[in-house]
Amino acid sequence: MHILIVGAAGMVGRKLTDRLLRDKTLGQQAITALTLADVVAPVPPGGEADGPAITTVTVDLSEPGAAARLLAPRPDVVFHLAAIVSGEAEADFDKGYRINLDGTRSLFDAIRHEAARQPYRPRVVFTSSIAVFGAPFAEKIGDTFLSAPLTSYGTQKAIGELLLNDYSRRGIFDGIGIRLPTICVRPGLPNKAASGFFSGILREPLSGQPAVLPVSPDVRHWFASPRAAVGFLLRAATLDTARLGDRRNLTLPGLSATVEEQIEALRRAAGDRAVALIRHEPDPTIARIVAGWARDFDAERAQTLGFTAETSMDEIIQAHIEDELGGRIGL
């Protein structure tokens, strides 16, 4: 099996790569080749001698011909993780549509043109977002709630979902779109996502560093850990998509929690010293973006299909401590 990860240099892409190389199989099939693609050169982890052949590609999908070259080896599974994040997409309208929409359309069309030469129908896993939903919200967003985003990023992801559904309906590829919760706690440096502070107010204090909170502590949001995100991707890649019917996009399980509940979970994990490192500095722009996101979901359909996530903020923090801090808090 040949697997292509587009967006492999990102945090989720790197964790997915590590997991695939560790497992060496996907859906009980041996992984023989792994192509890692991104706009910056992905750094492949040191694999074992008997692991799959790894190819790294630096590519911008929105450039003419780039997606076609990437699809020429005909990978069996395509993980499409590449996107610019919410805050950046809102700040730079042209870049957001070029990367998040034009790049996605180019990838999907490259599969279509490749299949026109000779039969080819890969599994495509597209990472969407809960930003496809916009206010006014129900108390819990169910599987039939209207997709009406209030941000450019959410609009771009919603269009990607529609394209994935239509290309799958026409048999061009076997697609599944997964609406990821906000991934928390994200390791590494902060990015330009408007949601980045949700991780920052936990990640930095757990390492003894100060953090800024730009919104009110009563803000509620929808979370899952990086560990859960990798599990989502693997499940999506191996799921019998006949069970999806004509609706190919899923809202995934997660945890609904307020910022205050995050902080209290941090207090339980690392004490008052960690909480004291958080400084409240209101940011109206971030507050406006976050206010346009749903806060709680009923992900019954995805759960029925075998997708699982954490059920407490304590679990999410513990996953970060184990996976990123070697089991020890850096205070």
Protein backbone atom coordinates (compact mmCIF):
# COMPACT_ATOMS: atom_id res chain seq x y z
CA MET A 1 0.00 0.00 0.00
CA HIS A 2 1.21 3.47 -0.95
CA ILE A 3 0.10 6.34 1.31
CA LEU A 4 0.34 10.05 0.51
CA ILE A 5 0.16 12.63 3.30
CA VAL A 6 -0.37 16.18 2.04
CA GLY A 7 0.48 18.55 4.86
CA ALA A 8 2.97 16.11 6.34
CA ALA A 9 5.15 18.83 7.91
CA GLY A 10 2.35 20.00 10.18
CA MET A 11 1.86 18.76 13.72
CA VAL A 12 -0.89 16.26 12.92
CA GLY A 13 0.93 15.17 9.76
CA ARG A 14 4.10 14.41 11.71
CA LYS A 15 2.22 12.44 14.35
CA LEU A 16 0.33 10.50 11.69
CA THR A 17 3.61 9.69 9.93
CA ASP A 18 5.15 8.45 13.16
CA ARG A 19 2.16 6.22 13.84
CA LEU A 20 2.11 4.73 10.34
CA LEU A 21 5.82 3.98 10.47
CA ARG A 22 5.40 2.39 13.87
CA ASP A 23 2.44 0.26 12.80
CA LYS A 24 3.79 -0.55 9.30
CA THR A 25 0.25 -1.47 8.29
CA LEU A 26 -3.05 0.28 7.60
CA GLY A 27 -6.24 -1.74 7.66
CA GLN A 28 -4.20 -4.96 7.84
CA GLN A 29 -2.35 -4.08 4.64
CA ALA A 30 1.42 -3.61 4.71
CA ILE A 31 2.57 -0.05 3.96
CA THR A 32 5.18 -0.31 1.21
CA ALA A 33 5.59 3.37 0.32
CA LEU A 34 4.95 6.66 2.10
CA THR A 35 5.05 10.03 0.35
CA LEU A 36 5.30 13.08 2.62
CA ALA A 37 4.36 16.36 0.93
CA ASP A 38 4.13 19.95 2.14
CA VAL A 39 5.06 23.52 1.19
CA VAL A 40 8.10 23.13 3.42
CA ALA A 41 10.26 20.04 3.24
CA PRO A 42 8.88 17.37 5.60
CA VAL A 43 11.53 15.79 7.80
CA PRO A 44 10.99 12.02 7.81
CA PRO A 45 11.56 10.28 11.12
CA GLY A 46 14.27 7.68 11.29
CA GLY A 47 12.57 4.52 10.12
CA GLU A 48 13.59 0.94 10.56
CA ALA A 49 15.44 -0.83 7.78
CA ASP A 50 12.41 -2.96 6.95
CA GLY A 51 9.99 -0.01 6.93
CA PRO A 52 8.26 1.48 3.88
CA ALA A 53 10.13 3.49 1.26
CA ILE A 54 9.79 7.19 2.19
CA THR A 55 9.71 10.02 -0.36
CA THR A 56 9.55 13.69 0.63
CA VAL A 57 8.16 16.32 -1.74
CA THR A 58 8.08 20.11 -1.38
CA VAL A 59 4.93 21.24 -3.16
CA ASP A 60 2.26 23.94 -3.27
CA LEU A 61 -0.94 22.31 -4.51
CA SER A 62 -2.26 25.61 -5.84
CA GLU A 63 0.56 25.83 -8.42
CA PRO A 64 -0.31 24.56 -11.91
CA GLY A 65 0.62 20.89 -12.40
CA ALA A 66 1.82 20.38 -8.84
CA ALA A 67 -1.02 18.10 -7.76
CA ALA A 68 -0.78 16.04 -10.94
CA ARG A 69 2.91 15.31 -10.30
CA LEU A 70 2.09 14.33 -6.74
CA LEU A 71 -0.63 11.89 -7.85
CA ALA A 72 1.38 10.31 -10.67
CA PRO A 73 2.55 7.37 -8.47
CA ARG A 74 -1.14 6.61 -7.75
CA PRO A 75 -1.20 6.36 -3.97
CA ASP A 76 -3.87 4.08 -2.53
CA VAL A 77 -4.72 6.42 0.36
CA VAL A 78 -4.47 10.22 0.33
CA PHE A 79 -4.56 12.13 3.62
CA HIS A 80 -5.31 15.75 2.74
CA LEU A 81 -4.29 17.72 5.84
CA ALA A 82 -2.85 20.79 4.13
CA ALA A 83 -4.40 24.17 4.95
CA ILE A 84 -3.58 27.57 6.32
CA VAL A 85 -5.19 28.05 9.69
CA SER A 86 -8.20 30.10 10.71
CA GLY A 87 -6.59 33.34 11.84
CA GLU A 88 -4.30 33.50 8.82
CA ALA A 89 -7.15 32.68 6.41
CA GLU A 90 -9.20 35.50 7.92
CA ALA A 91 -6.32 37.99 7.75
CA ASP A 92 -5.23 37.11 4.19
CA PHE A 93 -8.32 36.56 2.04
CA ASP A 94 -6.46 35.71 -1.19
CA LYS A 95 -4.04 33.30 0.44
CA GLY A 96 -6.83 31.52 2.29
CA TYR A 97 -8.80 30.82 -0.86
CA ARG A 98 -5.69 29.95 -2.88
CA ILE A 99 -4.43 27.35 -0.40
CA ASN A 100 -7.57 26.06 1.27
CA LEU A 101 -9.88 26.03 -1.74
CA ASP A 102 -7.81 26.14 -4.95
CA GLY A 103 -5.28 23.67 -3.56
CA THR A 104 -8.03 21.24 -2.54
CA ARG A 105 -9.77 21.51 -5.90
CA SER A 106 -6.44 20.94 -7.69
CA LEU A 107 -5.80 17.78 -5.67
CA PHE A 108 -9.27 16.41 -6.31
CA ASP A 109 -9.05 17.19 -10.02
CA ALA A 110 -5.60 15.60 -10.28
CA ILE A 111 -7.18 12.35 -9.10
CA ARG A 112 -9.95 12.76 -11.68
CA HIS A 113 -7.50 13.30 -14.52
CA GLU A 114 -5.30 10.43 -13.38
CA ALA A 115 -8.32 8.12 -13.35
CA ALA A 116 -9.19 9.21 -16.91
CA ARG A 117 -5.95 7.62 -18.14
CA GLN A 118 -6.51 4.31 -16.36
CA PRO A 119 -8.99 3.23 -13.65
CA TYR A 120 -7.96 4.67 -10.29
CA ARG A 121 -10.07 5.31 -7.18
CA PRO A 122 -8.08 6.04 -4.01
CA ARG A 123 -9.42 6.60 -0.51
CA VAL A 124 -9.24 10.34 0.25
CA VAL A 125 -9.38 11.54 3.86
CA PHE A 126 -10.04 15.28 4.02
CA THR A 127 -9.60 17.17 7.28
CA SER A 128 -12.39 19.68 7.65
CA SER A 129 -13.34 21.73 10.70
CA ILE A 130 -16.16 22.57 13.07
CA ALA A 131 -15.75 26.09 11.64
CA VAL A 132 -18.13 25.00 8.83
CA PHE A 133 -20.94 25.81 11.29
CA GLY A 134 -22.06 29.33 12.14
CA ALA A 135 -24.35 31.05 14.63
CA PRO A 136 -27.09 30.98 15.72
CA PHE A 137 -26.26 27.65 17.33
CA ALA A 138 -28.39 25.01 18.94
CA GLU A 139 -27.36 24.00 22.45
CA LYS A 140 -25.75 20.93 20.87
CA ILE A 141 -24.94 20.74 17.17
CA GLY A 142 -26.27 17.48 15.74
CA ASP A 143 -25.46 15.67 12.52
CA THR A 144 -28.16 17.46 10.52
CA PHE A 145 -27.33 21.04 11.59
CA LEU A 146 -26.99 23.57 8.75
CA SER A 147 -23.48 24.28 7.51
CA ALA A 148 -23.38 28.10 7.34
CA PRO A 149 -19.90 29.33 8.34
CA LEU A 150 -19.16 32.86 9.53
CA THR A 151 -15.43 32.92 8.69
CA SER A 152 -13.44 32.63 5.47
CA TYR A 153 -11.68 29.54 6.81
CA GLY A 154 -15.00 27.88 7.61
CA THR A 155 -16.33 28.77 4.17
CA GLN A 156 -13.28 27.27 2.47
CA LYS A 157 -13.64 24.06 4.46
CA ALA A 158 -17.39 23.87 3.76
CA ILE A 159 -16.76 24.17 0.01
CA GLY A 160 -14.13 21.42 0.31
CA GLU A 161 -16.73 19.20 1.98
CA LEU A 162 -19.18 19.77 -0.87
CA LEU A 163 -16.52 18.98 -3.46
CA LEU A 164 -15.53 15.81 -1.62
CA ASN A 165 -19.14 14.68 -1.47
CA ASP A 166 -19.73 15.33 -5.17
CA TYR A 167 -16.49 13.73 -6.39
CA SER A 168 -17.24 10.68 -4.23
CA ARG A 169 -20.83 10.52 -5.51
CA ARG A 170 -19.51 10.43 -9.06
CA GLY A 171 -17.05 7.64 -8.22
CA ILE A 172 -13.92 9.75 -8.83
CA PHE A 173 -12.52 8.77 -5.45
CA ASP A 174 -13.68 7.18 -2.22
CA GLY A 175 -13.78 10.19 0.07
CA ILE A 176 -14.49 10.89 3.71
CA GLY A 177 -14.37 14.32 5.36
CA ILE A 178 -13.75 14.59 9.07
CA ARG A 179 -14.56 17.78 10.99
CA LEU A 180 -11.81 17.92 13.56
CA PRO A 181 -12.41 19.51 16.95
CA THR A 182 -9.82 22.05 18.00
CA ILE A 183 -6.73 19.96 18.68
CA CYS A 184 -5.42 20.56 22.19
CA VAL A 185 -2.81 20.49 23.58
CA ARG A 186 -0.81 21.22 20.42
CA PRO A 187 2.93 20.72 20.96
CA GLY A 188 5.63 23.04 19.67
CA LEU A 189 5.46 26.75 18.98
CA PRO A 190 2.22 28.75 18.66
CA ASN A 191 0.76 29.02 15.15
CA LYS A 192 -1.53 31.64 13.58
CA ALA A 193 -4.76 29.79 14.35
CA ALA A 194 -7.29 31.89 16.20
CA SER A 195 -7.79 28.84 18.41
CA GLY A 196 -4.10 28.59 19.29
CA PHE A 197 -4.52 30.10 22.74
CA PHE A 198 -6.61 27.10 23.84
CA SER A 199 -3.40 25.07 23.69
CA GLY A 200 -1.13 27.91 24.78
CA ILE A 201 -2.80 28.41 28.16
CA LEU A 202 -2.00 24.78 28.96
CA ARG A 203 1.20 24.05 27.03
CA GLU A 204 3.24 27.03 28.19
CA PRO A 205 2.39 26.81 31.93
CA LEU A 206 3.05 23.06 31.93
CA SER A 207 6.57 23.93 30.76
CA GLY A 208 6.98 26.80 33.23
CA GLN A 209 6.39 29.53 30.63
CA PRO A 210 3.90 32.45 30.65
CA ALA A 211 0.80 32.35 28.47
CA VAL A 212 -1.74 34.91 27.24
CA LEU A 213 -5.51 34.38 27.40
CA PRO A 214 -7.22 36.66 24.81
CA VAL A 215 -10.87 35.75 25.58
CA SER A 216 -13.19 35.53 28.55
CA PRO A 217 -12.84 32.46 30.82
CA ASP A 218 -16.49 31.58 30.17
CA VAL A 219 -15.82 30.88 26.45
CA ARG A 220 -16.80 27.29 25.66
CA HIS A 221 -15.25 25.21 22.90
CA TRP A 222 -14.91 21.69 21.44
CA PHE A 223 -11.62 19.78 21.93
CA ALA A 224 -9.74 16.57 21.22
CA SER A 225 -6.08 15.68 21.72
CA PRO A 226 -3.44 15.13 19.01
CA ARG A 227 -3.51 11.47 20.07
CA ALA A 228 -7.23 11.34 19.28
CA ALA A 229 -6.69 13.18 15.96
CA VAL A 230 -4.37 10.45 14.70
CA GLY A 231 -6.93 7.86 15.73
CA PHE A 232 -9.58 9.75 13.76
CA LEU A 233 -7.44 9.69 10.61
CA LEU A 234 -6.66 6.00 10.86
CA ARG A 235 -10.32 5.17 11.42
CA ALA A 236 -11.36 7.32 8.44
CA ALA A 237 -8.81 5.62 6.20
CA THR A 238 -10.05 2.12 7.02
CA LEU A 239 -13.80 2.65 7.50
CA ASP A 240 -16.23 0.89 5.16
CA THR A 241 -17.51 4.03 3.46
CA ALA A 242 -20.66 2.22 2.30
CA ARG A 243 -21.83 2.91 5.86
CA LEU A 244 -21.67 6.66 5.16
CA GLY A 245 -24.28 6.61 2.42
CA ASP A 246 -24.42 9.87 0.48
CA ARG A 247 -23.26 12.02 3.40
CA ARG A 248 -19.51 11.74 3.34
CA ASN A 249 -18.62 14.34 6.00
CA LEU A 250 -18.67 13.66 9.73
CA THR A 251 -18.56 15.75 12.88
CA LEU A 252 -16.17 13.91 15.16
CA PRO A 253 -16.41 13.26 18.90
CA GLY A 254 -14.75 15.60 21.33
CA LEU A 255 -15.04 17.34 24.67
CA SER A 256 -17.01 20.53 25.30
CA ALA A 257 -15.27 22.64 27.94
CA THR A 258 -14.91 26.28 28.98
CA VAL A 259 -11.62 28.09 29.32
CA GLU A 260 -12.24 28.17 33.05
CA GLU A 261 -12.61 24.37 33.05
CA GLN A 262 -9.33 24.12 31.15
CA ILE A 263 -7.62 26.25 33.77
CA GLU A 264 -9.05 24.20 36.64
CA ALA A 265 -7.81 21.00 34.97
CA LEU A 266 -4.40 22.66 34.66
CA ARG A 267 -4.55 23.48 38.36
CA ARG A 268 -5.26 19.82 39.19
CA ALA A 269 -2.36 18.69 37.01
CA ALA A 270 0.27 21.30 37.89
CA GLY A 271 -0.97 23.43 40.77
CA ASP A 272 -1.48 27.15 41.38
CA ARG A 273 2.02 28.05 40.15
CA ALA A 274 1.10 26.95 36.65
CA VAL A 275 -2.22 28.82 36.65
CA ALA A 276 -0.47 32.00 37.84
CA LEU A 277 1.52 32.03 34.57
CA ILE A 278 -1.65 32.81 32.56
CA ARG A 279 -2.16 36.54 31.84
CA HIS A 280 -5.54 37.80 30.60
CA GLU A 281 -5.11 40.23 27.67
CA PRO A 282 -8.40 40.60 25.73
CA ASP A 283 -8.08 40.52 21.92
CA PRO A 284 -11.31 41.65 20.19
CA THR A 285 -10.35 40.09 16.84
CA ILE A 286 -9.76 36.64 18.30
CA ALA A 287 -12.85 36.97 20.49
CA ARG A 288 -14.95 37.79 17.42
CA ILE A 289 -13.65 34.79 15.46
CA VAL A 290 -14.12 32.38 18.34
CA ALA A 291 -17.63 33.69 18.98
CA GLY A 292 -18.55 32.44 15.50
CA TRP A 293 -17.70 28.83 16.37
CA ALA A 294 -20.00 26.17 17.78
CA ARG A 295 -19.41 25.14 21.38
CA ASP A 296 -20.89 21.66 21.80
CA PHE A 297 -21.79 18.77 19.54
CA ASP A 298 -23.71 15.54 19.46
CA ALA A 299 -21.41 13.35 17.35
CA GLU A 300 -23.62 10.27 17.51
CA ARG A 301 -23.12 9.29 13.87
CA ALA A 302 -19.32 9.30 14.10
CA GLN A 303 -19.38 7.47 17.42
CA THR A 304 -21.61 4.79 15.89
CA LEU A 305 -18.96 4.42 13.18
CA GLY A 306 -16.21 3.80 15.74
CA PHE A 307 -14.61 7.24 16.23
CA THR A 308 -13.60 7.98 19.83
CA ALA A 309 -12.03 10.86 21.79
CA GLU A 310 -11.30 11.95 25.34
CA THR A 311 -14.13 12.61 27.78
CA SER A 312 -12.37 15.03 30.18
CA MET A 313 -9.87 17.89 30.03
CA ASP A 314 -7.79 15.98 32.58
CA GLU A 315 -7.34 13.18 30.00
CA ILE A 316 -6.31 15.69 27.34
CA ILE A 317 -3.70 17.28 29.61
CA GLN A 318 -2.40 13.89 30.69
CA ALA A 319 -1.98 12.84 27.04
CA HIS A 320 0.17 15.94 26.47
CA ILE A 321 2.28 15.25 29.56
CA GLU A 322 2.88 11.67 28.48
CA ASP A 323 3.43 12.29 24.76
CA GLU A 324 5.34 15.59 24.82
CA LEU A 325 6.85 16.06 28.29
CA GLY A 326 8.08 12.55 28.97
CA GLY A 327 5.54 12.17 31.74
CA ARG A 328 6.96 15.09 33.76
CA ILE A 329 5.71 18.66 34.18
CA GLY A 330 8.33 21.30 33.48
CA LEU A 331 7.66 23.60 36.44
